């Protein structure tokens, strides 16, 4: 059984365990937008039945709900795993009545587990954004993972620590996820030398800052992993600097608790050193009013200065949090990103 846009909200919510998992993969705010009186009608009718707080129809929200429900089905049926990266133990939701507890959980959703040995494929570890306050699985996790899988990549999605957790806990979570993928590469059919990272918004800062600290953070977890950092990253509308007037202030506050002595220290442009930094594909939208596109430009400028390959794409429209951006001028970014990874991860080395 698979859910589709012709399924009903009632059918999805009646699945045993679904209501326990959903807060981690789909926001309660979005779920509340669906009118209860239409719970037994196909979700395909949602565009006519209600609107989101941001004045859009519910069509995209309904599609994201279906994606989340099908991912949960896969986990429940053992077709993919949901694991705690640091231990490798299976992760299960424990009863909760809201999104609150979801912010405290750290887990890694794996690709579908192959039934038999297959040719090794490259993996992408996807980190959705959320201002270090939540993790936007529905918009920047599941859809991006499906896009990558159709292209032949094995997608993993990380739910990392968010506030009240502070630096460096999210960065450690990311390193543990990378180490987990490398250690269990054979189980999932991953080529351990071809792992790329994809991050959005605050998770752009998460990935970039972790790459600056990678050798130090990884050494305490796995000496082998410390010697083999990811070779390529892709960042969408990323937070890069914490400089006032240019940053997303909420991300700084959530990651540091407002500790001003960390503002300069944790700005990526000040963290870059002689340590290896992966080549990058970066995109941002000129009409982004939440995270100024100047952040992406700062990273491009600093990487160019150090001779590190960096492709920067600036799109006229798309705003912030556009995900795959199909209805905006940024619609081409995901194809460009996958082309970039095709080159960057070819043969496990730099192009």
C-alpha atoms as a PDB file:
ATOM      1  CA  UNK A   1       0.000   0.000   0.000  1.00  0.00           C
ATOM      2  CA  UNK A   2       1.201   3.492  -0.857  1.00  0.00           C
ATOM      3  CA  UNK A   3      -0.556   6.767  -0.189  1.00  0.00           C
ATOM      4  CA  UNK A   4      -1.309   9.162  -3.022  1.00  0.00           C
ATOM      5  CA  UNK A   5      -2.974  12.511  -3.538  1.00  0.00           C
ATOM      6  CA  UNK A   6      -6.218  10.519  -3.889  1.00  0.00           C
ATOM      7  CA  UNK A   7      -5.884   9.214  -0.318  1.00  0.00           C
ATOM      8  CA  UNK A   8      -7.714  10.968   2.497  1.00  0.00           C
ATOM      9  CA  UNK A   9      -6.372  12.590   5.619  1.00  0.00           C
ATOM     10  CA  UNK A  10      -8.455  10.117   7.616  1.00  0.00           C
ATOM     11  CA  UNK A  11      -6.797   7.135   5.911  1.00  0.00           C
ATOM     12  CA  UNK A  12      -3.331   8.465   6.667  1.00  0.00           C
ATOM     13  CA  UNK A  13      -4.006   9.316  10.303  1.00  0.00           C
ATOM     14  CA  UNK A  14      -5.715   5.981  10.987  1.00  0.00           C
ATOM     15  CA  UNK A  15      -2.551   4.044  10.163  1.00  0.00           C
ATOM     16  CA  UNK A  16      -1.153   2.584  13.441  1.00  0.00           C
ATOM     17  CA  UNK A  17       1.796   4.655  14.635  1.00  0.00           C
ATOM     18  CA  UNK A  18       1.331   7.347  11.992  1.00  0.00           C
ATOM     19  CA  UNK A  19       0.337  10.094  14.429  1.00  0.00           C
ATOM     20  CA  UNK A  20       3.416   9.334  16.560  1.00  0.00           C
ATOM     21  CA  UNK A  21       5.800   9.650  13.602  1.00  0.00           C
ATOM     22  CA  UNK A  22       4.204  12.554  11.720  1.00  0.00           C
ATOM     23  CA  UNK A  23       5.351  15.426  13.996  1.00  0.00           C
ATOM     24  CA  UNK A  24       8.940  14.518  13.117  1.00  0.00           C
ATOM     25  CA  UNK A  25       8.381  14.428   9.363  1.00  0.00           C
ATOM     26  CA  UNK A  26       5.619  16.996   8.912  1.00  0.00           C
ATOM     27  CA  UNK A  27       4.735  20.103  10.884  1.00  0.00           C
ATOM     28  CA  UNK A  28       1.688  20.357  13.124  1.00  0.00           C
ATOM     29  CA  UNK A  29       1.115  23.850  11.709  1.00  0.00           C
ATOM     30  CA  UNK A  30       0.655  22.456   8.211  1.00  0.00           C
ATOM     31  CA  UNK A  31      -1.488  19.576   9.396  1.00  0.00           C
ATOM     32  CA  UNK A  32      -3.820  21.974  11.191  1.00  0.00           C
ATOM     33  CA  UNK A  33      -4.533  23.718   7.870  1.00  0.00           C
ATOM     34  CA  UNK A  34      -6.541  20.786   6.547  1.00  0.00           C
ATOM     35  CA  UNK A  35     -10.243  21.287   7.404  1.00  0.00           C
ATOM     36  CA  UNK A  36     -11.406  18.459   9.663  1.00  0.00           C
ATOM     37  CA  UNK A  37     -14.812  18.341   7.957  1.00  0.00           C
ATOM     38  CA  UNK A  38     -13.094  17.171   4.758  1.00  0.00           C
ATOM     39  CA  UNK A  39     -10.904  14.501   6.376  1.00  0.00           C
ATOM     40  CA  UNK A  40     -12.653  11.760   4.408  1.00  0.00           C
ATOM     41  CA  UNK A  41     -12.332  13.464   1.020  1.00  0.00           C
ATOM     42  CA  UNK A  42      -9.343  12.948  -1.318  1.00  0.00           C
ATOM     43  CA  UNK A  43      -6.387  15.194  -0.591  1.00  0.00           C
ATOM     44  CA  UNK A  44      -6.517  16.133  -4.285  1.00  0.00           C
ATOM     45  CA  UNK A  45      -9.435  18.403  -3.365  1.00  0.00           C
ATOM     46  CA  UNK A  46      -7.349  20.253  -0.779  1.00  0.00           C
ATOM     47  CA  UNK A  47      -6.574  23.128  -3.153  1.00  0.00           C
ATOM     48  CA  UNK A  48     -10.283  24.004  -2.956  1.00  0.00           C
ATOM     49  CA  UNK A  49     -10.791  23.324   0.756  1.00  0.00           C
ATOM     50  CA  UNK A  50      -8.377  25.533   2.672  1.00  0.00           C
ATOM     51  CA  UNK A  51      -5.366  27.792   2.688  1.00  0.00           C
ATOM     52  CA  UNK A  52      -2.108  27.914   4.566  1.00  0.00           C
ATOM     53  CA  UNK A  53      -1.140  30.811   6.873  1.00  0.00           C
ATOM     54  CA  UNK A  54       1.143  32.043   4.073  1.00  0.00           C
ATOM     55  CA  UNK A  55      -1.850  32.438   1.698  1.00  0.00           C
ATOM     56  CA  UNK A  56      -1.043  29.498  -0.577  1.00  0.00           C
ATOM     57  CA  UNK A  57      -3.466  26.725  -1.414  1.00  0.00           C
ATOM     58  CA  UNK A  58      -3.008  23.345   0.227  1.00  0.00           C
ATOM     59  CA  UNK A  59      -1.959  21.470  -2.902  1.00  0.00           C
ATOM     60  CA  UNK A  60       1.791  21.506  -2.168  1.00  0.00           C
ATOM     61  CA  UNK A  61       1.164  20.892   1.525  1.00  0.00           C
ATOM     62  CA  UNK A  62      -0.963  17.860   0.611  1.00  0.00           C
ATOM     63  CA  UNK A  63       1.763  16.460  -1.645  1.00  0.00           C
ATOM     64  CA  UNK A  64       4.315  16.905   1.131  1.00  0.00           C
ATOM     65  CA  UNK A  65       1.992  15.127   3.567  1.00  0.00           C
ATOM     66  CA  UNK A  66       1.752  12.170   1.183  1.00  0.00           C
ATOM     67  CA  UNK A  67       5.556  12.082   0.855  1.00  0.00           C
ATOM     68  CA  UNK A  68       5.957  12.099   4.636  1.00  0.00           C
ATOM     69  CA  UNK A  69       3.352   9.377   5.126  1.00  0.00           C
ATOM     70  CA  UNK A  70       4.994   7.119   2.534  1.00  0.00           C
ATOM     71  CA  UNK A  71       8.407   7.587   4.120  1.00  0.00           C
ATOM     72  CA  UNK A  72       6.940   6.591   7.467  1.00  0.00           C
ATOM     73  CA  UNK A  73       5.394   3.522   5.822  1.00  0.00           C
ATOM     74  CA  UNK A  74       8.807   2.525   4.488  1.00  0.00           C
ATOM     75  CA  UNK A  75      10.314   2.843   7.965  1.00  0.00           C
ATOM     76  CA  UNK A  76       7.521   0.884   9.619  1.00  0.00           C
ATOM     77  CA  UNK A  77       7.839  -1.907   7.030  1.00  0.00           C
ATOM     78  CA  UNK A  78      11.630  -2.066   7.359  1.00  0.00           C
ATOM     79  CA  UNK A  79      12.277  -0.909   3.796  1.00  0.00           C
ATOM     80  CA  UNK A  80      14.447   1.894   5.148  1.00  0.00           C
ATOM     81  CA  UNK A  81      15.874   2.585   8.588  1.00  0.00           C
ATOM     82  CA  UNK A  82      15.612   5.477  10.993  1.00  0.00           C
ATOM     83  CA  UNK A  83      18.730   5.372  13.171  1.00  0.00           C
ATOM     84  CA  UNK A  84      20.558   7.335  15.841  1.00  0.00           C
ATOM     85  CA  UNK A  85      23.813   8.238  14.039  1.00  0.00           C
ATOM     86  CA  UNK A  86      26.049   8.130  17.092  1.00  0.00           C
ATOM     87  CA  UNK A  87      25.032   4.608  18.123  1.00  0.00           C
ATOM     88  CA  UNK A  88      23.522   3.040  15.009  1.00  0.00           C
ATOM     89  CA  UNK A  89      20.496   1.976  17.060  1.00  0.00           C
ATOM     90  CA  UNK A  90      17.059   2.117  15.498  1.00  0.00           C
ATOM     91  CA  UNK A  91      15.118   5.236  16.433  1.00  0.00           C
ATOM     92  CA  UNK A  92      11.425   5.164  17.337  1.00  0.00           C
ATOM     93  CA  UNK A  93       9.134   8.055  18.314  1.00  0.00           C
ATOM     94  CA  UNK A  94       7.975   8.200  21.895  1.00  0.00           C
ATOM     95  CA  UNK A  95       4.499   9.571  22.512  1.00  0.00           C
ATOM     96  CA  UNK A  96       4.092  13.331  22.294  1.00  0.00           C
ATOM     97  CA  UNK A  97       1.272  15.763  21.803  1.00  0.00           C
ATOM     98  CA  UNK A  98       2.947  18.504  19.744  1.00  0.00           C
ATOM     99  CA  UNK A  99       6.045  19.445  17.784  1.00  0.00           C
ATOM    100  CA  UNK A 100       7.898  20.384  20.968  1.00  0.00           C
ATOM    101  CA  UNK A 101       9.668  17.111  21.603  1.00  0.00           C
ATOM    102  CA  UNK A 102      10.508  16.665  17.928  1.00  0.00           C
ATOM    103  CA  UNK A 103      13.108  19.418  18.209  1.00  0.00           C
ATOM    104  CA  UNK A 104      15.055  17.370  20.765  1.00  0.00           C
ATOM    105  CA  UNK A 105      15.418  14.248  18.622  1.00  0.00           C
ATOM    106  CA  UNK A 106      18.384  13.377  16.400  1.00  0.00           C
ATOM    107  CA  UNK A 107      18.043  10.681  13.761  1.00  0.00           C
ATOM    108  CA  UNK A 108      19.109   9.731  10.268  1.00  0.00           C
ATOM    109  CA  UNK A 109      16.663   8.417   7.667  1.00  0.00           C
ATOM    110  CA  UNK A 110      18.390   6.009   5.309  1.00  0.00           C
ATOM    111  CA  UNK A 111      17.672   5.226   1.664  1.00  0.00           C
ATOM    112  CA  UNK A 112      15.734   2.094   0.842  1.00  0.00           C
ATOM    113  CA  UNK A 113      17.781  -0.929   1.890  1.00  0.00           C
ATOM    114  CA  UNK A 114      18.787  -3.038  -1.141  1.00  0.00           C
ATOM    115  CA  UNK A 115      17.573  -6.631  -1.095  1.00  0.00           C
ATOM    116  CA  UNK A 116      20.831  -7.907  -2.561  1.00  0.00           C
ATOM    117  CA  UNK A 117      24.322  -6.664  -3.276  1.00  0.00           C
ATOM    118  CA  UNK A 118      24.320  -4.043  -5.985  1.00  0.00           C
ATOM    119  CA  UNK A 119      26.734  -1.691  -7.692  1.00  0.00           C
ATOM    120  CA  UNK A 120      27.955   0.935  -5.248  1.00  0.00           C
ATOM    121  CA  UNK A 121      26.395   4.355  -5.718  1.00  0.00           C
ATOM    122  CA  UNK A 122      27.224   7.855  -4.464  1.00  0.00           C
ATOM    123  CA  UNK A 123      25.298   9.125  -1.442  1.00  0.00           C
ATOM    124  CA  UNK A 124      23.918  12.553  -0.586  1.00  0.00           C
ATOM    125  CA  UNK A 125      23.391  13.512   3.046  1.00  0.00           C
ATOM    126  CA  UNK A 126      20.605  16.104   3.134  1.00  0.00           C
ATOM    127  CA  UNK A 127      20.262  18.599   5.987  1.00  0.00           C
ATOM    128  CA  UNK A 128      17.017  20.617   5.811  1.00  0.00           C
ATOM    129  CA  UNK A 129      16.970  24.142   7.206  1.00  0.00           C
ATOM    130  CA  UNK A 130      14.924  25.676   9.984  1.00  0.00           C
ATOM    131  CA  UNK A 131      16.946  28.440  11.627  1.00  0.00           C
ATOM    132  CA  UNK A 132      18.533  25.992  14.105  1.00  0.00           C
ATOM    133  CA  UNK A 133      15.044  25.956  15.697  1.00  0.00           C
ATOM    134  CA  UNK A 134      13.428  23.088  13.771  1.00  0.00           C
ATOM    135  CA  UNK A 135      14.205  20.853  10.768  1.00  0.00           C
ATOM    136  CA  UNK A 136      12.066  21.352   7.658  1.00  0.00           C
ATOM    137  CA  UNK A 137      11.724  17.733   6.521  1.00  0.00           C
ATOM    138  CA  UNK A 138       8.591  18.301   4.435  1.00  0.00           C
ATOM    139  CA  UNK A 139      10.006  21.087   2.262  1.00  0.00           C
ATOM    140  CA  UNK A 140      13.762  20.491   2.077  1.00  0.00           C
ATOM    141  CA  UNK A 141      14.117  16.841   3.105  1.00  0.00           C
ATOM    142  CA  UNK A 142      11.736  14.391   1.459  1.00  0.00           C
ATOM    143  CA  UNK A 143      11.326  16.210  -1.906  1.00  0.00           C
ATOM    144  CA  UNK A 144      15.079  16.713  -2.341  1.00  0.00           C
ATOM    145  CA  UNK A 145      15.741  13.081  -1.386  1.00  0.00           C
ATOM    146  CA  UNK A 146      13.291  11.869  -4.028  1.00  0.00           C
ATOM    147  CA  UNK A 147      14.867  14.130  -6.642  1.00  0.00           C
ATOM    148  CA  UNK A 148      18.316  12.750  -5.810  1.00  0.00           C
ATOM    149  CA  UNK A 149      17.116   9.127  -5.807  1.00  0.00           C
ATOM    150  CA  UNK A 150      15.641   9.493  -9.295  1.00  0.00           C
ATOM    151  CA  UNK A 151      19.075  10.609 -10.464  1.00  0.00           C
ATOM    152  CA  UNK A 152      20.744   7.508  -9.026  1.00  0.00           C
ATOM    153  CA  UNK A 153      21.985   8.874  -5.697  1.00  0.00           C
ATOM    154  CA  UNK A 154      21.371   7.238  -2.328  1.00  0.00           C
ATOM    155  CA  UNK A 155      19.797   9.962  -0.143  1.00  0.00           C
ATOM    156  CA  UNK A 156      20.078  10.153   3.631  1.00  0.00           C
ATOM    157  CA  UNK A 157      18.222  12.855   5.601  1.00  0.00           C
ATOM    158  CA  UNK A 158      19.474  14.128   8.958  1.00  0.00           C
ATOM    159  CA  UNK A 159      17.384  15.544  11.775  1.00  0.00           C
ATOM    160  CA  UNK A 160      20.081  17.272  13.784  1.00  0.00           C
ATOM    161  CA  UNK A 161      19.884  18.981  17.180  1.00  0.00           C
ATOM    162  CA  UNK A 162      18.173  22.360  17.336  1.00  0.00           C
ATOM    163  CA  UNK A 163      17.580  24.906  20.100  1.00  0.00           C
ATOM    164  CA  UNK A 164      17.848  24.636  23.038  1.00  0.00           C
ATOM    165  CA  UNK A 165      20.897  22.604  21.942  1.00  0.00           C
ATOM    166  CA  UNK A 166      23.847  24.910  21.267  1.00  0.00           C
ATOM    167  CA  UNK A 167      27.062  24.865  19.266  1.00  0.00           C
ATOM    168  CA  UNK A 168      28.763  22.476  18.653  1.00  0.00           C
ATOM    169  CA  UNK A 169      26.035  19.848  19.155  1.00  0.00           C
ATOM    170  CA  UNK A 170      24.484  20.160  15.639  1.00  0.00           C
ATOM    171  CA  UNK A 171      27.961  20.038  14.085  1.00  0.00           C
ATOM    172  CA  UNK A 172      28.798  16.879  16.042  1.00  0.00           C
ATOM    173  CA  UNK A 173      25.501  15.338  14.885  1.00  0.00           C
ATOM    174  CA  UNK A 174      26.492  15.954  11.275  1.00  0.00           C
ATOM    175  CA  UNK A 175      29.924  14.391  11.693  1.00  0.00           C
ATOM    176  CA  UNK A 176      28.379  11.358  13.393  1.00  0.00           C
ATOM    177  CA  UNK A 177      25.980  10.985  10.462  1.00  0.00           C
ATOM    178  CA  UNK A 178      28.872  11.094   7.964  1.00  0.00           C
ATOM    179  CA  UNK A 179      30.777   8.519  10.010  1.00  0.00           C
ATOM    180  CA  UNK A 180      27.680   6.293  10.204  1.00  0.00           C
ATOM    181  CA  UNK A 181      27.270   6.325   6.405  1.00  0.00           C
ATOM    182  CA  UNK A 182      30.929   5.447   5.865  1.00  0.00           C
ATOM    183  CA  UNK A 183      30.873   2.627   8.418  1.00  0.00           C
ATOM    184  CA  UNK A 184      27.662   1.123   7.012  1.00  0.00           C
ATOM    185  CA  UNK A 185      28.319   1.836   3.352  1.00  0.00           C
ATOM    186  CA  UNK A 186      28.134  -1.825   2.335  1.00  0.00           C
ATOM    187  CA  UNK A 187      24.718  -2.244   3.969  1.00  0.00           C
ATOM    188  CA  UNK A 188      23.181   0.503   1.835  1.00  0.00           C
ATOM    189  CA  UNK A 189      25.244   0.057  -1.338  1.00  0.00           C
ATOM    190  CA  UNK A 190      27.116   3.332  -0.834  1.00  0.00           C
ATOM    191  CA  UNK A 191      30.531   4.098  -2.276  1.00  0.00           C
ATOM    192  CA  UNK A 192      32.175   5.520   0.893  1.00  0.00           C
ATOM    193  CA  UNK A 193      34.461   7.731  -1.181  1.00  0.00           C
ATOM    194  CA  UNK A 194      31.521   9.422  -2.918  1.00  0.00           C
ATOM    195  CA  UNK A 195      29.496  11.184  -0.225  1.00  0.00           C
ATOM    196  CA  UNK A 196      28.167  14.700  -0.824  1.00  0.00           C
ATOM    197  CA  UNK A 197      26.359  17.037   1.554  1.00  0.00           C
ATOM    198  CA  UNK A 198      23.310  19.206   0.813  1.00  0.00           C
ATOM    199  CA  UNK A 199      22.126  21.907   3.225  1.00  0.00           C
ATOM    200  CA  UNK A 200      19.571  24.703   3.224  1.00  0.00           C
ATOM    201  CA  UNK A 201      19.372  28.019   5.083  1.00  0.00           C
ATOM    202  CA  UNK A 202      20.753  27.502   8.616  1.00  0.00           C
ATOM    203  CA  UNK A 203      21.844  24.014   7.580  1.00  0.00           C
ATOM    204  CA  UNK A 204      24.033  25.756   5.008  1.00  0.00           C
ATOM    205  CA  UNK A 205      25.884  27.235   7.968  1.00  0.00           C
ATOM    206  CA  UNK A 206      25.784  23.849   9.682  1.00  0.00           C
ATOM    207  CA  UNK A 207      27.530  22.156   6.759  1.00  0.00           C
ATOM    208  CA  UNK A 208      30.009  24.957   5.995  1.00  0.00           C
ATOM    209  CA  UNK A 209      31.028  25.410   9.639  1.00  0.00           C
ATOM    210  CA  UNK A 210      31.352  21.643  10.129  1.00  0.00           C
ATOM    211  CA  UNK A 211      33.615  21.384   7.090  1.00  0.00           C
ATOM    212  CA  UNK A 212      35.852  24.051   8.623  1.00  0.00           C
ATOM    213  CA  UNK A 213      36.091  22.017  11.837  1.00  0.00           C
ATOM    214  CA  UNK A 214      35.824  18.553  10.307  1.00  0.00           C
ATOM    215  CA  UNK A 215      39.229  17.099  11.099  1.00  0.00           C
ATOM    216  CA  UNK A 216      39.001  18.237  14.721  1.00  0.00           C
ATOM    217  CA  UNK A 217      35.435  17.022  15.260  1.00  0.00           C
ATOM    218  CA  UNK A 218      35.881  13.713  13.422  1.00  0.00           C
ATOM    219  CA  UNK A 219      39.114  12.746  15.121  1.00  0.00           C
ATOM    220  CA  UNK A 220      37.276  12.040  18.361  1.00  0.00           C
ATOM    221  CA  UNK A 221      34.806   9.776  16.548  1.00  0.00           C
ATOM    222  CA  UNK A 222      36.724   7.986  13.803  1.00  0.00           C
ATOM    223  CA  UNK A 223      40.338   8.477  12.744  1.00  0.00           C
ATOM    224  CA  UNK A 224      39.550   7.037   9.308  1.00  0.00           C
ATOM    225  CA  UNK A 225      36.642   9.440   8.812  1.00  0.00           C
ATOM    226  CA  UNK A 226      38.843  12.349   9.901  1.00  0.00           C
ATOM    227  CA  UNK A 227      41.198  11.526   7.037  1.00  0.00           C
ATOM    228  CA  UNK A 228      38.399  11.326   4.461  1.00  0.00           C
ATOM    229  CA  UNK A 229      36.166  14.421   4.611  1.00  0.00           C
ATOM    230  CA  UNK A 230      33.363  14.868   2.065  1.00  0.00           C
ATOM    231  CA  UNK A 231      34.680  16.217  -1.229  1.00  0.00           C
ATOM    232  CA  UNK A 232      31.657  18.229  -2.338  1.00  0.00           C
ATOM    233  CA  UNK A 233      28.796  20.215  -0.808  1.00  0.00           C
ATOM    234  CA  UNK A 234      25.733  22.044  -2.105  1.00  0.00           C
ATOM    235  CA  UNK A 235      24.138  24.904  -0.162  1.00  0.00           C
ATOM    236  CA  UNK A 236      20.764  26.512  -0.818  1.00  0.00           C
ATOM    237  CA  UNK A 237      20.111  30.115   0.334  1.00  0.00           C
ATOM    238  CA  UNK A 238      22.638  29.514   3.136  1.00  0.00           C
ATOM    239  CA  UNK A 239      23.384  31.403   6.308  1.00  0.00           C
ATOM    240  CA  UNK A 240      27.153  31.959   6.164  1.00  0.00           C
ATOM    241  CA  UNK A 241      28.037  34.990   8.264  1.00  0.00           C
ATOM    242  CA  UNK A 242      26.741  36.013  11.672  1.00  0.00           C
ATOM    243  CA  UNK A 243      27.708  39.653  11.103  1.00  0.00           C
ATOM    244  CA  UNK A 244      24.911  41.979  12.168  1.00  0.00           C
ATOM    245  CA  UNK A 245      22.843  43.378   9.342  1.00  0.00           C
ATOM    246  CA  UNK A 246      23.792  40.581   6.966  1.00  0.00           C
ATOM    247  CA  UNK A 247      22.981  37.408   8.885  1.00  0.00           C
ATOM    248  CA  UNK A 248      19.740  35.694   9.844  1.00  0.00           C
ATOM    249  CA  UNK A 249      19.712  36.784  13.454  1.00  0.00           C
ATOM    250  CA  UNK A 250      17.418  33.982  14.565  1.00  0.00           C
ATOM    251  CA  UNK A 251      19.951  31.356  13.479  1.00  0.00           C
ATOM    252  CA  UNK A 252      22.690  33.042  15.500  1.00  0.00           C
ATOM    253  CA  UNK A 253      20.503  33.287  18.586  1.00  0.00           C
ATOM    254  CA  UNK A 254      19.327  29.669  18.332  1.00  0.00           C
ATOM    255  CA  UNK A 255      22.804  28.206  17.788  1.00  0.00           C
ATOM    256  CA  UNK A 256      24.657  30.274  20.372  1.00  0.00           C
ATOM    257  CA  UNK A 257      22.041  31.463  22.835  1.00  0.00           C
ATOM    258  CA  UNK A 258      23.057  35.002  21.919  1.00  0.00           C
ATOM    259  CA  UNK A 259      26.681  34.684  23.055  1.00  0.00           C
ATOM    260  CA  UNK A 260      28.203  37.685  21.298  1.00  0.00           C
ATOM    261  CA  UNK A 261      31.776  36.404  21.554  1.00  0.00           C
ATOM    262  CA  UNK A 262      30.753  33.633  19.129  1.00  0.00           C
ATOM    263  CA  UNK A 263      29.359  35.991  16.465  1.00  0.00           C
ATOM    264  CA  UNK A 264      32.663  36.491  14.668  1.00  0.00           C
ATOM    265  CA  UNK A 265      34.153  33.148  15.680  1.00  0.00           C
ATOM    266  CA  UNK A 266      31.321  31.150  14.069  1.00  0.00           C
ATOM    267  CA  UNK A 267      31.030  33.238  10.914  1.00  0.00           C
ATOM    268  CA  UNK A 268      32.180  30.860   8.198  1.00  0.00           C
ATOM    269  CA  UNK A 269      34.327  33.463   6.435  1.00  0.00           C
ATOM    270  CA  UNK A 270      36.405  33.659   9.638  1.00  0.00           C
ATOM    271  CA  UNK A 271      36.509  29.877  10.155  1.00  0.00           C
ATOM    272  CA  UNK A 272      38.143  29.030   6.832  1.00  0.00           C
ATOM    273  CA  UNK A 273      41.769  28.047   7.272  1.00  0.00           C
ATOM    274  CA  UNK A 274      44.466  26.019   5.578  1.00  0.00           C
ATOM    275  CA  UNK A 275      42.458  22.868   6.264  1.00  0.00           C
ATOM    276  CA  UNK A 276      40.861  21.298   3.147  1.00  0.00           C
ATOM    277  CA  UNK A 277      37.404  22.625   2.311  1.00  0.00           C
ATOM    278  CA  UNK A 278      35.186  20.857  -0.237  1.00  0.00           C
ATOM    279  CA  UNK A 279      34.261  22.319  -3.580  1.00  0.00           C
ATOM    280  CA  UNK A 280      30.784  23.812  -3.535  1.00  0.00           C
ATOM    281  CA  UNK A 281      27.629  24.540  -5.483  1.00  0.00           C
ATOM    282  CA  UNK A 282      25.717  27.440  -3.904  1.00  0.00           C
ATOM    283  CA  UNK A 283      22.474  29.109  -4.881  1.00  0.00           C
ATOM    284  CA  UNK A 284      20.393  31.935  -3.481  1.00  0.00           C
ATOM    285  CA  UNK A 285      17.452  34.080  -4.565  1.00  0.00           C
ATOM    286  CA  UNK A 286      17.799  37.836  -5.006  1.00  0.00           C
ATOM    287  CA  UNK A 287      14.356  38.419  -3.465  1.00  0.00           C
ATOM    288  CA  UNK A 288      15.188  36.505  -0.273  1.00  0.00           C
ATOM    289  CA  UNK A 289      14.117  38.797   2.574  1.00  0.00           C
ATOM    290  CA  UNK A 290      14.996  36.380   5.373  1.00  0.00           C
ATOM    291  CA  UNK A 291      18.605  35.388   4.637  1.00  0.00           C
ATOM    292  CA  UNK A 292      20.283  38.074   2.508  1.00  0.00           C
ATOM    293  CA  UNK A 293      21.884  36.591  -0.638  1.00  0.00           C
ATOM    294  CA  UNK A 294      25.011  38.478   0.416  1.00  0.00           C
ATOM    295  CA  UNK A 295      25.718  35.393   2.571  1.00  0.00           C
ATOM    296  CA  UNK A 296      26.189  33.247  -0.523  1.00  0.00           C
ATOM    297  CA  UNK A 297      28.299  35.950  -2.141  1.00  0.00           C
ATOM    298  CA  UNK A 298      30.581  36.104   0.916  1.00  0.00           C
ATOM    299  CA  UNK A 299      31.244  32.372   0.720  1.00  0.00           C
ATOM    300  CA  UNK A 300      31.914  32.541  -3.021  1.00  0.00           C
ATOM    301  CA  UNK A 301      34.360  35.421  -2.524  1.00  0.00           C
ATOM    302  CA  UNK A 302      36.266  33.672   0.260  1.00  0.00           C
ATOM    303  CA  UNK A 303      36.491  30.333  -1.554  1.00  0.00           C
ATOM    304  CA  UNK A 304      37.656  32.049  -4.742  1.00  0.00           C
ATOM    305  CA  UNK A 305      40.361  33.792  -2.740  1.00  0.00           C
ATOM    306  CA  UNK A 306      41.612  30.411  -1.531  1.00  0.00           C
ATOM    307  CA  UNK A 307      41.414  28.736  -4.939  1.00  0.00           C
ATOM    308  CA  UNK A 308      38.598  26.394  -3.875  1.00  0.00           C
ATOM    309  CA  UNK A 309      36.116  25.661  -6.697  1.00  0.00           C
ATOM    310  CA  UNK A 310      32.735  27.259  -6.026  1.00  0.00           C
ATOM    311  CA  UNK A 311      29.783  27.680  -8.376  1.00  0.00           C
ATOM    312  CA  UNK A 312      27.381  30.442  -7.311  1.00  0.00           C
ATOM    313  CA  UNK A 313      23.950  30.804  -8.897  1.00  0.00           C
ATOM    314  CA  UNK A 314      21.780  33.805  -8.060  1.00  0.00           C
ATOM    315  CA  UNK A 315      18.154  33.594  -9.192  1.00  0.00           C
ATOM    316  CA  UNK A 316      15.855  36.639  -9.470  1.00  0.00           C
ATOM    317  CA  UNK A 317      12.922  35.036  -7.653  1.00  0.00           C
ATOM    318  CA  UNK A 318      12.260  32.221  -5.237  1.00  0.00           C
ATOM    319  CA  UNK A 319      12.385  34.008  -1.900  1.00  0.00           C
ATOM    320  CA  UNK A 320      13.508  31.956   1.056  1.00  0.00           C
ATOM    321  CA  UNK A 321      12.753  28.300   1.656  1.00  0.00           C
ATOM    322  CA  UNK A 322      11.648  27.587  -1.904  1.00  0.00           C
ATOM    323  CA  UNK A 323      12.724  23.940  -1.702  1.00  0.00           C
ATOM    324  CA  UNK A 324      12.884  22.538  -5.226  1.00  0.00           C
ATOM    325  CA  UNK A 325      11.624  25.897  -6.462  1.00  0.00           C
ATOM    326  CA  UNK A 326       9.537  24.514  -9.317  1.00  0.00           C
ATOM    327  CA  UNK A 327       7.237  27.552  -9.455  1.00  0.00           C
ATOM    328  CA  UNK A 328      10.093  30.089  -9.350  1.00  0.00           C
ATOM    329  CA  UNK A 329      13.022  31.210 -11.457  1.00  0.00           C
ATOM    330  CA  UNK A 330      15.179  28.935  -9.270  1.00  0.00           C
ATOM    331  CA  UNK A 331      13.574  25.797 -10.704  1.00  0.00           C
ATOM    332  CA  UNK A 332      16.807  24.692 -12.413  1.00  0.00           C
ATOM    333  CA  UNK A 333      18.961  24.610  -9.281  1.00  0.00           C
ATOM    334  CA  UNK A 334      18.377  20.941  -8.398  1.00  0.00           C
ATOM    335  CA  UNK A 335      19.380  19.713 -11.855  1.00  0.00           C
ATOM    336  CA  UNK A 336      22.452  21.939 -11.788  1.00  0.00           C
ATOM    337  CA  UNK A 337      23.332  20.643  -8.326  1.00  0.00           C
ATOM    338  CA  UNK A 338      23.111  17.020  -9.438  1.00  0.00           C
ATOM    339  CA  UNK A 339      25.236  17.802 -12.497  1.00  0.00           C
ATOM    340  CA  UNK A 340      27.766  19.325 -10.086  1.00  0.00           C
ATOM    341  CA  UNK A 341      27.810  16.184  -7.924  1.00  0.00           C
ATOM    342  CA  UNK A 342      28.105  13.979 -11.026  1.00  0.00           C
ATOM    343  CA  UNK A 343      31.367  15.749 -11.786  1.00  0.00           C
ATOM    344  CA  UNK A 344      32.616  16.316  -8.245  1.00  0.00           C
ATOM    345  CA  UNK A 345      32.041  12.755  -7.046  1.00  0.00           C
ATOM    346  CA  UNK A 346      33.073  10.991 -10.231  1.00  0.00           C
ATOM    347  CA  UNK A 347      35.451   8.160  -9.362  1.00  0.00           C
ATOM    348  CA  UNK A 348      35.536   9.219  -5.719  1.00  0.00           C
ATOM    349  CA  UNK A 349      37.787  12.193  -6.404  1.00  0.00           C
ATOM    350  CA  UNK A 350      37.848  15.763  -7.578  1.00  0.00           C
ATOM    351  CA  UNK A 351      37.079  16.355 -11.264  1.00  0.00           C
END
